[in-house]
Amino acid sequence: MSQTVLDRYPGWSPRLCRDCKRAESRAMATTKPQAKPTATTSRTKSKDLTTAEVLASYSGGPDTGVFTDGASEGNPGPGGWGAVHVIDGEIVDEAHGSEAHTTNNRMELAALIAGLRMLPVDAETDVYTDSQLVVNIVTKWATGWKDRGWTKKSPGPIANLELVKEAYALSQERPGVRINWIKAHIGNRWNEYADALATSYRRGTH
């Protein structure tokens, strides 16, 4: 069908001929359906996007606050962290770093510390991390640990204690800041952006 005819009748599409219909049916029968995302499969985790690609691809989620993320390959292994402060969809500040031998939890804590440092002590805003462990540490468990001389009720030391102490102190200095968990890798723009900062060590660029 020529483009001239299609232009003459906008909105109209030609019917498939009988042979074309058969060919289309065969193609559909032999094409395997794509697997649906599950709770354990990520839409974005395996894409390793740059920050520019994230901005071009995603627009969902909160557009004001501080977003932090950490990553590592192996536990321990090389890893990185990232944090970005956004107001009404505009970047106010961002930071990222990496370590050659680290863990995911260390990088998540390092990211939160960097994000909290971006805020003045009188700030009233939200900080988002996709680590439920970090949220629980800073908002629930650290107070009791501190009261017991930085020890847990259960046997064993507190992991990454120096980072826990610093993150907790920074959060206590900023009583108007709310630390929240945000689901990872579902297309929340600024969580994806923080992830791209955290994984930039793998690409050598943002």
C-alpha atoms as a PDB file:
ATOM      1  CA  MET A   1       0.000   0.000   0.000  1.00  0.00           C
ATOM      2  CA  SER A   2       1.478   3.359  -1.057  1.00  0.00           C
ATOM      3  CA  GLN A   3       2.009   6.170   1.436  1.00  0.00           C
ATOM      4  CA  THR A   4       0.003   8.484  -0.869  1.00  0.00           C
ATOM      5  CA  VAL A   5      -3.147   6.425  -0.355  1.00  0.00           C
ATOM      6  CA  LEU A   6      -2.596   6.206   3.389  1.00  0.00           C
ATOM      7  CA  ASP A   7      -2.139   9.984   3.586  1.00  0.00           C
ATOM      8  CA  ARG A   8      -5.379  10.516   1.674  1.00  0.00           C
ATOM      9  CA  TYR A   9      -7.395   8.524   4.246  1.00  0.00           C
ATOM     10  CA  PRO A  10      -6.029   9.345   7.722  1.00  0.00           C
ATOM     11  CA  GLY A  11      -6.993   6.867  10.427  1.00  0.00           C
ATOM     12  CA  TRP A  12      -7.719   4.074   7.934  1.00  0.00           C
ATOM     13  CA  SER A  13      -5.622   0.930   7.767  1.00  0.00           C
ATOM     14  CA  PRO A  14      -5.880  -1.657   4.974  1.00  0.00           C
ATOM     15  CA  ARG A  15      -7.197  -5.135   5.658  1.00  0.00           C
ATOM     16  CA  LEU A  16      -4.704  -7.926   5.548  1.00  0.00           C
ATOM     17  CA  CYS A  17      -4.931 -10.247   2.570  1.00  0.00           C
ATOM     18  CA  ARG A  18      -5.617 -13.919   3.261  1.00  0.00           C
ATOM     19  CA  ASP A  19      -1.952 -14.919   2.833  1.00  0.00           C
ATOM     20  CA  CYS A  20      -0.838 -12.055   5.085  1.00  0.00           C
ATOM     21  CA  LYS A  21      -3.272 -13.159   7.788  1.00  0.00           C
ATOM     22  CA  ARG A  22      -1.913 -16.699   7.670  1.00  0.00           C
ATOM     23  CA  ALA A  23       1.664 -15.439   7.931  1.00  0.00           C
ATOM     24  CA  GLU A  24       0.771 -13.207  10.872  1.00  0.00           C
ATOM     25  CA  SER A  25      -0.985 -16.086  12.672  1.00  0.00           C
ATOM     26  CA  ARG A  26       2.062 -18.330  12.229  1.00  0.00           C
ATOM     27  CA  ALA A  27       4.366 -15.629  13.562  1.00  0.00           C
ATOM     28  CA  MET A  28       2.207 -15.091  16.636  1.00  0.00           C
ATOM     29  CA  ALA A  29       2.033 -18.827  17.315  1.00  0.00           C
ATOM     30  CA  THR A  30       5.815 -19.198  17.282  1.00  0.00           C
ATOM     31  CA  THR A  31       6.617 -16.073  19.310  1.00  0.00           C
ATOM     32  CA  LYS A  32       7.180 -16.769  22.988  1.00  0.00           C
ATOM     33  CA  PRO A  33       5.356 -14.370  25.318  1.00  0.00           C
ATOM     34  CA  GLN A  34       7.593 -12.141  27.405  1.00  0.00           C
ATOM     35  CA  ALA A  35       7.802 -13.036  31.063  1.00  0.00           C
ATOM     36  CA  LYS A  36       5.781 -10.768  33.292  1.00  0.00           C
ATOM     37  CA  PRO A  37       7.733  -8.875  35.956  1.00  0.00           C
ATOM     38  CA  THR A  38       7.561 -10.520  39.359  1.00  0.00           C
ATOM     39  CA  ALA A  39       8.507  -9.408  42.828  1.00  0.00           C
ATOM     40  CA  THR A  40      11.990 -10.796  42.220  1.00  0.00           C
ATOM     41  CA  THR A  41      12.537  -9.489  38.681  1.00  0.00           C
ATOM     42  CA  SER A  42      13.501  -5.885  38.146  1.00  0.00           C
ATOM     43  CA  ARG A  43      12.435  -3.566  35.376  1.00  0.00           C
ATOM     44  CA  THR A  44      15.578  -1.477  35.652  1.00  0.00           C
ATOM     45  CA  LYS A  45      18.148  -3.250  37.797  1.00  0.00           C
ATOM     46  CA  SER A  46      19.836  -5.053  34.923  1.00  0.00           C
ATOM     47  CA  LYS A  47      19.884  -2.044  32.590  1.00  0.00           C
ATOM     48  CA  ASP A  48      22.775  -0.218  34.310  1.00  0.00           C
ATOM     49  CA  LEU A  49      21.530   3.155  33.085  1.00  0.00           C
ATOM     50  CA  THR A  50      23.407   6.433  33.203  1.00  0.00           C
ATOM     51  CA  THR A  51      21.794   9.406  34.950  1.00  0.00           C
ATOM     52  CA  ALA A  52      21.024  10.974  31.567  1.00  0.00           C
ATOM     53  CA  GLU A  53      19.282   7.785  30.440  1.00  0.00           C
ATOM     54  CA  VAL A  54      17.272   7.700  33.660  1.00  0.00           C
ATOM     55  CA  LEU A  55      16.060  11.264  33.137  1.00  0.00           C
ATOM     56  CA  ALA A  56      15.063  10.425  29.575  1.00  0.00           C
ATOM     57  CA  SER A  57      13.264   7.226  30.555  1.00  0.00           C
ATOM     58  CA  TYR A  58      11.414   7.765  33.841  1.00  0.00           C
ATOM     59  CA  SER A  59       9.142  10.373  35.395  1.00  0.00           C
ATOM     60  CA  GLY A  60       7.277   8.585  38.197  1.00  0.00           C
ATOM     61  CA  GLY A  61       7.562   8.850  41.962  1.00  0.00           C
ATOM     62  CA  PRO A  62       8.129  11.774  44.350  1.00  0.00           C
ATOM     63  CA  ASP A  63       9.819  14.831  42.845  1.00  0.00           C
ATOM     64  CA  THR A  64      10.996  16.516  46.059  1.00  0.00           C
ATOM     65  CA  GLY A  65      13.373  15.171  48.682  1.00  0.00           C
ATOM     66  CA  VAL A  66      16.721  13.432  48.991  1.00  0.00           C
ATOM     67  CA  PHE A  67      17.119  10.051  47.303  1.00  0.00           C
ATOM     68  CA  THR A  68      19.940   7.697  48.268  1.00  0.00           C
ATOM     69  CA  ASP A  69      21.135   4.307  47.089  1.00  0.00           C
ATOM     70  CA  GLY A  70      24.044   1.923  47.504  1.00  0.00           C
ATOM     71  CA  ALA A  71      25.299  -0.995  45.454  1.00  0.00           C
ATOM     72  CA  SER A  72      27.997  -3.633  45.487  1.00  0.00           C
ATOM     73  CA  GLU A  73      29.089  -6.548  43.332  1.00  0.00           C
ATOM     74  CA  GLY A  74      29.779  -9.350  45.731  1.00  0.00           C
ATOM     75  CA  ASN A  75      29.410  -9.032  49.471  1.00  0.00           C
ATOM     76  CA  PRO A  76      32.111  -7.900  49.926  1.00  0.00           C
ATOM     77  CA  GLY A  77      33.286  -6.595  46.580  1.00  0.00           C
ATOM     78  CA  PRO A  78      33.554  -3.341  44.646  1.00  0.00           C
ATOM     79  CA  GLY A  79      30.673  -0.971  45.308  1.00  0.00           C
ATOM     80  CA  GLY A  80      29.380   2.559  45.192  1.00  0.00           C
ATOM     81  CA  TRP A  81      26.863   4.975  46.667  1.00  0.00           C
ATOM     82  CA  GLY A  82      24.836   7.890  45.359  1.00  0.00           C
ATOM     83  CA  ALA A  83      22.601  10.651  46.697  1.00  0.00           C
ATOM     84  CA  VAL A  84      20.612  13.397  44.985  1.00  0.00           C
ATOM     85  CA  HIS A  85      18.630  16.298  46.470  1.00  0.00           C
ATOM     86  CA  VAL A  86      15.676  17.379  44.350  1.00  0.00           C
ATOM     87  CA  ILE A  87      13.077  20.133  44.753  1.00  0.00           C
ATOM     88  CA  ASP A  88      10.091  20.123  42.399  1.00  0.00           C
ATOM     89  CA  GLY A  89      11.985  17.943  39.952  1.00  0.00           C
ATOM     90  CA  GLU A  90      15.087  20.158  39.866  1.00  0.00           C
ATOM     91  CA  ILE A  91      18.431  18.881  41.124  1.00  0.00           C
ATOM     92  CA  VAL A  92      19.797  20.959  44.000  1.00  0.00           C
ATOM     93  CA  ASP A  93      22.792  18.790  44.868  1.00  0.00           C
ATOM     94  CA  GLU A  94      24.176  15.347  44.169  1.00  0.00           C
ATOM     95  CA  ALA A  95      27.138  13.235  45.234  1.00  0.00           C
ATOM     96  CA  HIS A  96      28.522   9.772  44.661  1.00  0.00           C
ATOM     97  CA  GLY A  97      31.520   7.665  45.604  1.00  0.00           C
ATOM     98  CA  SER A  98      32.890   4.149  45.539  1.00  0.00           C
ATOM     99  CA  GLU A  99      35.063   1.656  47.407  1.00  0.00           C
ATOM    100  CA  ALA A 100      37.084  -1.201  46.002  1.00  0.00           C
ATOM    101  CA  HIS A 101      36.146  -3.639  48.776  1.00  0.00           C
ATOM    102  CA  THR A 102      32.835  -3.058  50.528  1.00  0.00           C
ATOM    103  CA  THR A 103      29.304  -4.361  51.102  1.00  0.00           C
ATOM    104  CA  ASN A 104      25.883  -3.274  49.959  1.00  0.00           C
ATOM    105  CA  ASN A 105      24.828  -2.259  53.481  1.00  0.00           C
ATOM    106  CA  ARG A 106      27.924  -0.090  53.923  1.00  0.00           C
ATOM    107  CA  MET A 107      27.170   1.657  50.664  1.00  0.00           C
ATOM    108  CA  GLU A 108      23.520   2.182  51.618  1.00  0.00           C
ATOM    109  CA  LEU A 109      24.615   3.784  54.894  1.00  0.00           C
ATOM    110  CA  ALA A 110      27.260   5.895  53.152  1.00  0.00           C
ATOM    111  CA  ALA A 111      24.611   7.125  50.705  1.00  0.00           C
ATOM    112  CA  LEU A 112      22.243   8.066  53.526  1.00  0.00           C
ATOM    113  CA  ILE A 113      25.020   9.942  55.334  1.00  0.00           C
ATOM    114  CA  ALA A 114      25.845  11.907  52.180  1.00  0.00           C
ATOM    115  CA  GLY A 115      22.164  12.667  51.607  1.00  0.00           C
ATOM    116  CA  LEU A 116      21.600  13.900  55.164  1.00  0.00           C
ATOM    117  CA  ARG A 117      24.675  16.125  54.920  1.00  0.00           C
ATOM    118  CA  MET A 118      23.028  17.896  51.973  1.00  0.00           C
ATOM    119  CA  LEU A 119      20.296  19.196  54.277  1.00  0.00           C
ATOM    120  CA  PRO A 120      20.507  21.996  56.847  1.00  0.00           C
ATOM    121  CA  VAL A 121      19.626  21.067  60.415  1.00  0.00           C
ATOM    122  CA  ASP A 122      16.294  22.921  60.175  1.00  0.00           C
ATOM    123  CA  ALA A 123      15.221  21.158  56.974  1.00  0.00           C
ATOM    124  CA  GLU A 124      11.730  19.708  56.762  1.00  0.00           C
ATOM    125  CA  THR A 125      11.680  17.220  53.944  1.00  0.00           C
ATOM    126  CA  ASP A 126      11.808  13.515  53.108  1.00  0.00           C
ATOM    127  CA  VAL A 127      14.811  11.290  52.557  1.00  0.00           C
ATOM    128  CA  TYR A 128      14.175   8.141  50.533  1.00  0.00           C
ATOM    129  CA  THR A 129      16.203   4.933  50.550  1.00  0.00           C
ATOM    130  CA  ASP A 130      15.297   1.565  49.052  1.00  0.00           C
ATOM    131  CA  SER A 131      16.991  -0.235  51.960  1.00  0.00           C
ATOM    132  CA  GLN A 132      14.441  -1.233  54.595  1.00  0.00           C
ATOM    133  CA  LEU A 133      17.339  -2.331  56.791  1.00  0.00           C
ATOM    134  CA  VAL A 134      18.828   1.164  56.819  1.00  0.00           C
ATOM    135  CA  VAL A 135      15.442   2.732  57.599  1.00  0.00           C
ATOM    136  CA  ASN A 136      14.959   0.369  60.530  1.00  0.00           C
ATOM    137  CA  ILE A 137      18.487   0.926  61.817  1.00  0.00           C
ATOM    138  CA  VAL A 138      18.245   4.710  61.876  1.00  0.00           C
ATOM    139  CA  THR A 139      14.594   5.187  62.828  1.00  0.00           C
ATOM    140  CA  LYS A 140      13.971   2.210  65.150  1.00  0.00           C
ATOM    141  CA  TRP A 141      16.978   0.321  66.441  1.00  0.00           C
ATOM    142  CA  ALA A 142      19.785   2.851  66.861  1.00  0.00           C
ATOM    143  CA  THR A 143      18.166   4.631  69.804  1.00  0.00           C
ATOM    144  CA  GLY A 144      18.121   1.424  71.856  1.00  0.00           C
ATOM    145  CA  TRP A 145      21.620   0.505  70.768  1.00  0.00           C
ATOM    146  CA  LYS A 146      22.899   3.898  71.871  1.00  0.00           C
ATOM    147  CA  ASP A 147      21.126   3.635  75.246  1.00  0.00           C
ATOM    148  CA  ARG A 148      22.877   0.299  75.826  1.00  0.00           C
ATOM    149  CA  GLY A 149      26.283   1.741  74.987  1.00  0.00           C
ATOM    150  CA  TRP A 150      26.034   0.812  71.310  1.00  0.00           C
ATOM    151  CA  THR A 151      25.368  -2.838  71.889  1.00  0.00           C
ATOM    152  CA  LYS A 152      22.510  -5.064  70.756  1.00  0.00           C
ATOM    153  CA  LYS A 153      20.299  -7.234  72.917  1.00  0.00           C
ATOM    154  CA  SER A 154      21.337 -10.217  70.810  1.00  0.00           C
ATOM    155  CA  PRO A 155      24.926 -11.483  70.790  1.00  0.00           C
ATOM    156  CA  GLY A 156      27.393 -10.056  68.323  1.00  0.00           C
ATOM    157  CA  PRO A 157      28.634  -6.607  67.336  1.00  0.00           C
ATOM    158  CA  ILE A 158      26.654  -4.002  65.422  1.00  0.00           C
ATOM    159  CA  ALA A 159      27.719  -4.175  61.789  1.00  0.00           C
ATOM    160  CA  ASN A 160      29.216  -1.008  60.301  1.00  0.00           C
ATOM    161  CA  LEU A 161      28.993   0.678  63.692  1.00  0.00           C
ATOM    162  CA  GLU A 162      30.915   3.828  62.730  1.00  0.00           C
ATOM    163  CA  LEU A 163      28.538   4.471  59.822  1.00  0.00           C
ATOM    164  CA  VAL A 164      25.482   3.662  61.945  1.00  0.00           C
ATOM    165  CA  LYS A 165      26.582   6.170  64.583  1.00  0.00           C
ATOM    166  CA  GLU A 166      27.169   8.887  61.982  1.00  0.00           C
ATOM    167  CA  ALA A 167      23.872   8.316  60.150  1.00  0.00           C
ATOM    168  CA  TYR A 168      21.966   8.295  63.431  1.00  0.00           C
ATOM    169  CA  ALA A 169      23.642  11.480  64.690  1.00  0.00           C
ATOM    170  CA  LEU A 170      22.911  13.311  61.430  1.00  0.00           C
ATOM    171  CA  SER A 171      19.271  12.235  61.531  1.00  0.00           C
ATOM    172  CA  GLN A 172      18.910  13.355  65.154  1.00  0.00           C
ATOM    173  CA  GLU A 173      20.336  16.770  64.253  1.00  0.00           C
ATOM    174  CA  ARG A 174      17.564  17.118  61.647  1.00  0.00           C
ATOM    175  CA  PRO A 175      14.307  16.375  63.497  1.00  0.00           C
ATOM    176  CA  GLY A 176      12.207  17.687  60.602  1.00  0.00           C
ATOM    177  CA  VAL A 177      13.642  15.139  58.167  1.00  0.00           C
ATOM    178  CA  ARG A 178      11.631  11.974  57.590  1.00  0.00           C
ATOM    179  CA  ILE A 179      13.537   8.870  56.461  1.00  0.00           C
ATOM    180  CA  ASN A 180      11.354   6.684  54.269  1.00  0.00           C
ATOM    181  CA  TRP A 181      11.615   3.418  52.383  1.00  0.00           C
ATOM    182  CA  ILE A 182      10.901   3.527  48.646  1.00  0.00           C
ATOM    183  CA  LYS A 183      10.533   0.466  46.454  1.00  0.00           C
ATOM    184  CA  ALA A 184      13.495  -0.065  44.146  1.00  0.00           C
ATOM    185  CA  HIS A 185      13.547  -0.569  40.381  1.00  0.00           C
ATOM    186  CA  ILE A 186       9.914   0.205  39.571  1.00  0.00           C
ATOM    187  CA  GLY A 187      10.574   3.388  37.619  1.00  0.00           C
ATOM    188  CA  ASN A 188      10.613   6.008  40.396  1.00  0.00           C
ATOM    189  CA  ARG A 189      12.702   8.605  38.635  1.00  0.00           C
ATOM    190  CA  TRP A 190      14.880   9.884  41.440  1.00  0.00           C
ATOM    191  CA  ASN A 191      15.395   6.497  43.073  1.00  0.00           C
ATOM    192  CA  GLU A 192      16.581   5.279  39.671  1.00  0.00           C
ATOM    193  CA  TYR A 193      18.802   8.364  39.426  1.00  0.00           C
ATOM    194  CA  ALA A 194      20.395   7.619  42.814  1.00  0.00           C
ATOM    195  CA  ASP A 195      20.924   4.039  41.661  1.00  0.00           C
ATOM    196  CA  ALA A 196      22.675   5.313  38.521  1.00  0.00           C
ATOM    197  CA  LEU A 197      24.955   7.441  40.701  1.00  0.00           C
ATOM    198  CA  ALA A 198      25.686   4.457  42.960  1.00  0.00           C
ATOM    199  CA  THR A 199      26.591   2.208  40.025  1.00  0.00           C
ATOM    200  CA  SER A 200      28.592   4.833  38.126  1.00  0.00           C
ATOM    201  CA  TYR A 201      31.828   3.224  39.384  1.00  0.00           C
ATOM    202  CA  ARG A 202      31.126   0.372  36.953  1.00  0.00           C
ATOM    203  CA  ARG A 203      30.873   2.744  33.979  1.00  0.00           C
ATOM    204  CA  GLY A 204      33.491   5.289  34.984  1.00  0.00           C
ATOM    205  CA  THR A 205      30.864   7.993  34.346  1.00  0.00           C
ATOM    206  CA  HIS A 206      27.446   9.116  35.525  1.00  0.00           C
END
